[in-house]
Amino acid sequence: PSMHGIGYREWRQYMNGERSKKETVAAIQQATRNFAKRQMTWFRGMERRHPIHWVTTPSTAERIIKDFLT
């Protein structure tokens, strides 16, 4: 599983001479965007069933954790 993360397949193709460095970087960027889109789709589905509170600042995170622990 460790070699199935984003970028490993693309760099392997680069190392095997199947892609240029520029193509490899573009492929990794596209794979990252695709993964982020799948995550957002999953979160939207979860949000319909369970409320999700997005944490956007460290101070908000600290407050939420403090409230949770008390």
PDB file of N, CA and C in Angstrom:
ATOM      1  N   PRO A   1       0.798  -1.214   0.000  1.00  0.00           N
ATOM      2  CA  PRO A   1       0.000   0.000   0.000  1.00  0.00           C
ATOM      3  C   PRO A   1       0.841   1.280   0.000  1.00  0.00           C
ATOM      4  N   SER A   2       2.025   1.212   0.577  1.00  0.00           N
ATOM      5  CA  SER A   2       2.819   2.435   0.683  1.00  0.00           C
ATOM      6  C   SER A   2       3.224   2.980  -0.682  1.00  0.00           C
ATOM      7  N   MET A   3       3.314   2.155  -1.672  1.00  0.00           N
ATOM      8  CA  MET A   3       3.722   2.603  -3.005  1.00  0.00           C
ATOM      9  C   MET A   3       2.519   2.926  -3.900  1.00  0.00           C
ATOM     10  N   HIS A   4       1.336   3.006  -3.321  1.00  0.00           N
ATOM     11  CA  HIS A   4       0.149   3.310  -4.098  1.00  0.00           C
ATOM     12  C   HIS A   4      -0.337   4.740  -3.894  1.00  0.00           C
ATOM     13  N   GLY A   5       0.435   5.545  -3.183  1.00  0.00           N
ATOM     14  CA  GLY A   5       0.059   6.933  -2.955  1.00  0.00           C
ATOM     15  C   GLY A   5       0.195   7.759  -4.227  1.00  0.00           C
ATOM     16  N   ILE A   6      -0.354   8.953  -4.172  1.00  0.00           N
ATOM     17  CA  ILE A   6      -0.276   9.850  -5.323  1.00  0.00           C
ATOM     18  C   ILE A   6       1.186  10.159  -5.627  1.00  0.00           C
ATOM     19  N   GLY A   7       1.551   9.999  -6.872  1.00  0.00           N
ATOM     20  CA  GLY A   7       2.895  10.341  -7.327  1.00  0.00           C
ATOM     21  C   GLY A   7       3.818   9.165  -7.555  1.00  0.00           C
ATOM     22  N   TYR A   8       3.620   8.068  -6.848  1.00  0.00           N
ATOM     23  CA  TYR A   8       4.539   6.937  -7.007  1.00  0.00           C
ATOM     24  C   TYR A   8       4.478   6.347  -8.412  1.00  0.00           C
ATOM     25  N   ARG A   9       3.290   6.107  -8.913  1.00  0.00           N
ATOM     26  CA  ARG A   9       3.147   5.537 -10.252  1.00  0.00           C
ATOM     27  C   ARG A   9       3.729   6.487 -11.289  1.00  0.00           C
ATOM     28  N   GLU A  10       3.435   7.779 -11.114  1.00  0.00           N
ATOM     29  CA  GLU A  10       3.910   8.771 -12.074  1.00  0.00           C
ATOM     30  C   GLU A  10       5.440   8.855 -12.081  1.00  0.00           C
ATOM     31  N   TRP A  11       6.043   8.856 -10.889  1.00  0.00           N
ATOM     32  CA  TRP A  11       7.511   8.918 -10.840  1.00  0.00           C
ATOM     33  C   TRP A  11       8.141   7.638 -11.364  1.00  0.00           C
ATOM     34  N   ARG A  12       7.469   6.508 -11.140  1.00  0.00           N
ATOM     35  CA  ARG A  12       7.986   5.245 -11.676  1.00  0.00           C
ATOM     36  C   ARG A  12       8.029   5.316 -13.204  1.00  0.00           C
ATOM     37  N   GLN A  13       6.985   5.863 -13.806  1.00  0.00           N
ATOM     38  CA  GLN A  13       6.965   6.014 -15.263  1.00  0.00           C
ATOM     39  C   GLN A  13       8.068   6.959 -15.728  1.00  0.00           C
ATOM     40  N   TYR A  14       8.320   7.993 -14.958  1.00  0.00           N
ATOM     41  CA  TYR A  14       9.409   8.921 -15.289  1.00  0.00           C
ATOM     42  C   TYR A  14      10.754   8.204 -15.215  1.00  0.00           C
ATOM     43  N   MET A  15      10.951   7.448 -14.149  1.00  0.00           N
ATOM     44  CA  MET A  15      12.227   6.745 -13.964  1.00  0.00           C
ATOM     45  C   MET A  15      12.447   5.675 -15.044  1.00  0.00           C
ATOM     46  N   ASN A  16      11.372   5.110 -15.560  1.00  0.00           N
ATOM     47  CA  ASN A  16      11.467   4.109 -16.620  1.00  0.00           C
ATOM     48  C   ASN A  16      11.575   4.742 -18.003  1.00  0.00           C
ATOM     49  N   GLY A  17      11.603   6.071 -18.055  1.00  0.00           N
ATOM     50  CA  GLY A  17      11.752   6.775 -19.324  1.00  0.00           C
ATOM     51  C   GLY A  17      10.467   6.858 -20.127  1.00  0.00           C
ATOM     52  N   GLU A  18       9.324   6.593 -19.498  1.00  0.00           N
ATOM     53  CA  GLU A  18       8.049   6.613 -20.204  1.00  0.00           C
ATOM     54  C   GLU A  18       7.444   8.016 -20.271  1.00  0.00           C
ATOM     55  N   ARG A  19       7.911   8.942 -19.425  1.00  0.00           N
ATOM     56  CA  ARG A  19       7.394  10.315 -19.379  1.00  0.00           C
ATOM     57  C   ARG A  19       8.546  11.276 -19.179  1.00  0.00           C
ATOM     58  N   SER A  20       8.320  12.506 -19.599  1.00  0.00           N
ATOM     59  CA  SER A  20       9.286  13.554 -19.301  1.00  0.00           C
ATOM     60  C   SER A  20       8.997  14.070 -17.887  1.00  0.00           C
ATOM     61  N   LYS A  21       9.930  14.855 -17.355  1.00  0.00           N
ATOM     62  CA  LYS A  21       9.728  15.414 -16.020  1.00  0.00           C
ATOM     63  C   LYS A  21       8.516  16.344 -16.017  1.00  0.00           C
ATOM     64  N   LYS A  22       8.366  17.136 -17.057  1.00  0.00           N
ATOM     65  CA  LYS A  22       7.240  18.061 -17.151  1.00  0.00           C
ATOM     66  C   LYS A  22       5.912  17.292 -17.183  1.00  0.00           C
ATOM     67  N   GLU A  23       5.853  16.211 -17.950  1.00  0.00           N
ATOM     68  CA  GLU A  23       4.643  15.384 -18.010  1.00  0.00           C
ATOM     69  C   GLU A  23       4.359  14.735 -16.659  1.00  0.00           C
ATOM     70  N   THR A  24       5.418  14.334 -15.975  1.00  0.00           N
ATOM     71  CA  THR A  24       5.272  13.697 -14.662  1.00  0.00           C
ATOM     72  C   THR A  24       4.684  14.661 -13.652  1.00  0.00           C
ATOM     73  N   VAL A  25       5.218  15.866 -13.609  1.00  0.00           N
ATOM     74  CA  VAL A  25       4.700  16.877 -12.677  1.00  0.00           C
ATOM     75  C   VAL A  25       3.240  17.166 -12.994  1.00  0.00           C
ATOM     76  N   ALA A  26       2.902  17.311 -14.265  1.00  0.00           N
ATOM     77  CA  ALA A  26       1.512  17.576 -14.658  1.00  0.00           C
ATOM     78  C   ALA A  26       0.604  16.410 -14.259  1.00  0.00           C
ATOM     79  N   ALA A  27       1.074  15.180 -14.425  1.00  0.00           N
ATOM     80  CA  ALA A  27       0.273  14.010 -14.068  1.00  0.00           C
ATOM     81  C   ALA A  27       0.042  13.946 -12.558  1.00  0.00           C
ATOM     82  N   ILE A  28       1.055  14.279 -11.770  1.00  0.00           N
ATOM     83  CA  ILE A  28       0.905  14.287 -10.310  1.00  0.00           C
ATOM     84  C   ILE A  28      -0.076  15.379  -9.893  1.00  0.00           C
ATOM     85  N   GLN A  29       0.023  16.537 -10.508  1.00  0.00           N
ATOM     86  CA  GLN A  29      -0.906  17.623 -10.194  1.00  0.00           C
ATOM     87  C   GLN A  29      -2.339  17.218 -10.521  1.00  0.00           C
ATOM     88  N   GLN A  30      -2.545  16.564 -11.658  1.00  0.00           N
ATOM     89  CA  GLN A  30      -3.888  16.132 -12.038  1.00  0.00           C
ATOM     90  C   GLN A  30      -4.403  15.057 -11.082  1.00  0.00           C
ATOM     91  N   ALA A  31      -3.549  14.117 -10.704  1.00  0.00           N
ATOM     92  CA  ALA A  31      -3.954  13.063  -9.769  1.00  0.00           C
ATOM     93  C   ALA A  31      -4.333  13.668  -8.414  1.00  0.00           C
ATOM     94  N   THR A  32      -3.608  14.701  -8.001  1.00  0.00           N
ATOM     95  CA  THR A  32      -3.913  15.374  -6.742  1.00  0.00           C
ATOM     96  C   THR A  32      -5.274  16.069  -6.817  1.00  0.00           C
ATOM     97  N   ARG A  33      -5.532  16.751  -7.928  1.00  0.00           N
ATOM     98  CA  ARG A  33      -6.841  17.404  -8.098  1.00  0.00           C
ATOM     99  C   ARG A  33      -7.967  16.371  -8.109  1.00  0.00           C
ATOM    100  N   ASN A  34      -7.764  15.256  -8.795  1.00  0.00           N
ATOM    101  CA  ASN A  34      -8.790  14.207  -8.837  1.00  0.00           C
ATOM    102  C   ASN A  34      -9.065  13.655  -7.446  1.00  0.00           C
ATOM    103  N   PHE A  35      -8.012  13.451  -6.674  1.00  0.00           N
ATOM    104  CA  PHE A  35      -8.174  12.932  -5.316  1.00  0.00           C
ATOM    105  C   PHE A  35      -8.934  13.925  -4.438  1.00  0.00           C
ATOM    106  N   ALA A  36      -8.589  15.208  -4.548  1.00  0.00           N
ATOM    107  CA  ALA A  36      -9.271  16.239  -3.764  1.00  0.00           C
ATOM    108  C   ALA A  36     -10.751  16.295  -4.139  1.00  0.00           C
ATOM    109  N   LYS A  37     -11.054  16.138  -5.410  1.00  0.00           N
ATOM    110  CA  LYS A  37     -12.453  16.154  -5.847  1.00  0.00           C
ATOM    111  C   LYS A  37     -13.209  14.963  -5.248  1.00  0.00           C
ATOM    112  N   ARG A  38     -12.589  13.783  -5.237  1.00  0.00           N
ATOM    113  CA  ARG A  38     -13.230  12.610  -4.631  1.00  0.00           C
ATOM    114  C   ARG A  38     -13.444  12.825  -3.133  1.00  0.00           C
ATOM    115  N   GLN A  39     -12.478  13.441  -2.460  1.00  0.00           N
ATOM    116  CA  GLN A  39     -12.640  13.720  -1.034  1.00  0.00           C
ATOM    117  C   GLN A  39     -13.810  14.662  -0.790  1.00  0.00           C
ATOM    118  N   MET A  40     -13.914  15.725  -1.573  1.00  0.00           N
ATOM    119  CA  MET A  40     -14.997  16.684  -1.385  1.00  0.00           C
ATOM    120  C   MET A  40     -16.350  16.034  -1.664  1.00  0.00           C
ATOM    121  N   THR A  41     -16.414  15.161  -2.656  1.00  0.00           N
ATOM    122  CA  THR A  41     -17.653  14.432  -2.937  1.00  0.00           C
ATOM    123  C   THR A  41     -18.024  13.577  -1.732  1.00  0.00           C
ATOM    124  N   TRP A  42     -17.048  12.902  -1.147  1.00  0.00           N
ATOM    125  CA  TRP A  42     -17.290  12.053   0.027  1.00  0.00           C
ATOM    126  C   TRP A  42     -17.765  12.910   1.206  1.00  0.00           C
ATOM    127  N   PHE A  43     -17.099  14.046   1.435  1.00  0.00           N
ATOM    128  CA  PHE A  43     -17.495  14.915   2.540  1.00  0.00           C
ATOM    129  C   PHE A  43     -18.918  15.445   2.351  1.00  0.00           C
ATOM    130  N   ARG A  44     -19.272  15.818   1.123  1.00  0.00           N
ATOM    131  CA  ARG A  44     -20.630  16.299   0.877  1.00  0.00           C
ATOM    132  C   ARG A  44     -21.652  15.214   1.193  1.00  0.00           C
ATOM    133  N   GLY A  45     -21.350  13.971   0.851  1.00  0.00           N
ATOM    134  CA  GLY A  45     -22.242  12.865   1.178  1.00  0.00           C
ATOM    135  C   GLY A  45     -22.355  12.662   2.677  1.00  0.00           C
ATOM    136  N   MET A  46     -21.243  12.784   3.379  1.00  0.00           N
ATOM    137  CA  MET A  46     -21.253  12.635   4.840  1.00  0.00           C
ATOM    138  C   MET A  46     -22.014  13.778   5.493  1.00  0.00           C
ATOM    139  N   GLU A  47     -21.872  14.967   4.940  1.00  0.00           N
ATOM    140  CA  GLU A  47     -22.504  16.154   5.525  1.00  0.00           C
ATOM    141  C   GLU A  47     -24.030  16.038   5.499  1.00  0.00           C
ATOM    142  N   ARG A  48     -24.557  15.312   4.531  1.00  0.00           N
ATOM    143  CA  ARG A  48     -26.006  15.115   4.471  1.00  0.00           C
ATOM    144  C   ARG A  48     -26.492  14.258   5.632  1.00  0.00           C
ATOM    145  N   ARG A  49     -25.638  13.364   6.101  1.00  0.00           N
ATOM    146  CA  ARG A  49     -26.011  12.457   7.191  1.00  0.00           C
ATOM    147  C   ARG A  49     -25.564  12.945   8.560  1.00  0.00           C
ATOM    148  N   HIS A  50     -24.419  13.595   8.621  1.00  0.00           N
ATOM    149  CA  HIS A  50     -23.835  14.053   9.885  1.00  0.00           C
ATOM    150  C   HIS A  50     -23.281  15.456   9.683  1.00  0.00           C
ATOM    151  N   PRO A  51     -23.558  16.371  10.601  1.00  0.00           N
ATOM    152  CA  PRO A  51     -23.017  17.726  10.421  1.00  0.00           C
ATOM    153  C   PRO A  51     -21.486  17.731  10.495  1.00  0.00           C
ATOM    154  N   ILE A  52     -20.885  18.452   9.598  1.00  0.00           N
ATOM    155  CA  ILE A  52     -19.432  18.599   9.570  1.00  0.00           C
ATOM    156  C   ILE A  52     -19.112  20.051   9.900  1.00  0.00           C
ATOM    157  N   HIS A  53     -18.224  20.257  10.832  1.00  0.00           N
ATOM    158  CA  HIS A  53     -17.799  21.602  11.209  1.00  0.00           C
ATOM    159  C   HIS A  53     -16.381  21.801  10.684  1.00  0.00           C
ATOM    160  N   TRP A  54     -16.251  22.637   9.663  1.00  0.00           N
ATOM    161  CA  TRP A  54     -14.949  22.887   9.076  1.00  0.00           C
ATOM    162  C   TRP A  54     -14.144  23.805   9.986  1.00  0.00           C
ATOM    163  N   VAL A  55     -12.919  23.427  10.251  1.00  0.00           N
ATOM    164  CA  VAL A  55     -12.029  24.206  11.102  1.00  0.00           C
ATOM    165  C   VAL A  55     -11.062  24.945  10.181  1.00  0.00           C
ATOM    166  N   THR A  56     -11.086  26.275  10.271  1.00  0.00           N
ATOM    167  CA  THR A  56     -10.288  27.069   9.342  1.00  0.00           C
ATOM    168  C   THR A  56      -9.123  27.805   9.993  1.00  0.00           C
ATOM    169  N   THR A  57      -9.105  27.872  11.327  1.00  0.00           N
ATOM    170  CA  THR A  57      -8.004  28.556  12.002  1.00  0.00           C
ATOM    171  C   THR A  57      -7.536  27.737  13.200  1.00  0.00           C
ATOM    172  N   PRO A  58      -6.280  27.884  13.585  1.00  0.00           N
ATOM    173  CA  PRO A  58      -5.788  27.162  14.764  1.00  0.00           C
ATOM    174  C   PRO A  58      -6.554  27.519  16.037  1.00  0.00           C
ATOM    175  N   SER A  59      -6.945  28.774  16.178  1.00  0.00           N
ATOM    176  CA  SER A  59      -7.667  29.166  17.397  1.00  0.00           C
ATOM    177  C   SER A  59      -9.032  28.479  17.466  1.00  0.00           C
ATOM    178  N   THR A  60      -9.674  28.310  16.322  1.00  0.00           N
ATOM    179  CA  THR A  60     -10.953  27.596  16.289  1.00  0.00           C
ATOM    180  C   THR A  60     -10.736  26.135  16.661  1.00  0.00           C
ATOM    181  N   ALA A  61      -9.691  25.538  16.143  1.00  0.00           N
ATOM    182  CA  ALA A  61      -9.386  24.145  16.469  1.00  0.00           C
ATOM    183  C   ALA A  61      -9.135  23.985  17.967  1.00  0.00           C
ATOM    184  N   GLU A  62      -8.377  24.899  18.544  1.00  0.00           N
ATOM    185  CA  GLU A  62      -8.099  24.838  19.987  1.00  0.00           C
ATOM    186  C   GLU A  62      -9.391  24.939  20.797  1.00  0.00           C
ATOM    187  N   ARG A  63     -10.284  25.842  20.394  1.00  0.00           N
ATOM    188  CA  ARG A  63     -11.548  26.009  21.109  1.00  0.00           C
ATOM    189  C   ARG A  63     -12.401  24.745  21.013  1.00  0.00           C
ATOM    190  N   ILE A  64     -12.481  24.161  19.826  1.00  0.00           N
ATOM    191  CA  ILE A  64     -13.286  22.956  19.639  1.00  0.00           C
ATOM    192  C   ILE A  64     -12.732  21.803  20.472  1.00  0.00           C
ATOM    193  N   ILE A  65     -11.420  21.643  20.466  1.00  0.00           N
ATOM    194  CA  ILE A  65     -10.797  20.569  21.245  1.00  0.00           C
ATOM    195  C   ILE A  65     -11.028  20.798  22.731  1.00  0.00           C
ATOM    196  N   LYS A  66     -10.852  22.033  23.171  1.00  0.00           N
ATOM    197  CA  LYS A  66     -11.060  22.361  24.595  1.00  0.00           C
ATOM    198  C   LYS A  66     -12.505  22.064  24.996  1.00  0.00           C
ATOM    199  N   ASP A  67     -13.468  22.477  24.163  1.00  0.00           N
ATOM    200  CA  ASP A  67     -14.883  22.212  24.454  1.00  0.00           C
ATOM    201  C   ASP A  67     -15.166  20.707  24.477  1.00  0.00           C
ATOM    202  N   PHE A  68     -14.541  19.985  23.596  1.00  0.00           N
ATOM    203  CA  PHE A  68     -14.752  18.541  23.522  1.00  0.00           C
ATOM    204  C   PHE A  68     -14.228  17.836  24.766  1.00  0.00           C
ATOM    205  N   LEU A  69     -13.099  18.307  25.272  1.00  0.00           N
ATOM    206  CA  LEU A  69     -12.455  17.645  26.397  1.00  0.00           C
ATOM    207  C   LEU A  69     -13.083  18.015  27.741  1.00  0.00           C
ATOM    208  N   THR A  70     -13.896  19.056  27.773  1.00  0.00           N
ATOM    209  CA  THR A  70     -14.518  19.452  29.045  1.00  0.00           C
ATOM    210  C   THR A  70     -15.915  18.922  29.173  1.00  0.00           C
TER     211      THR A  70
END
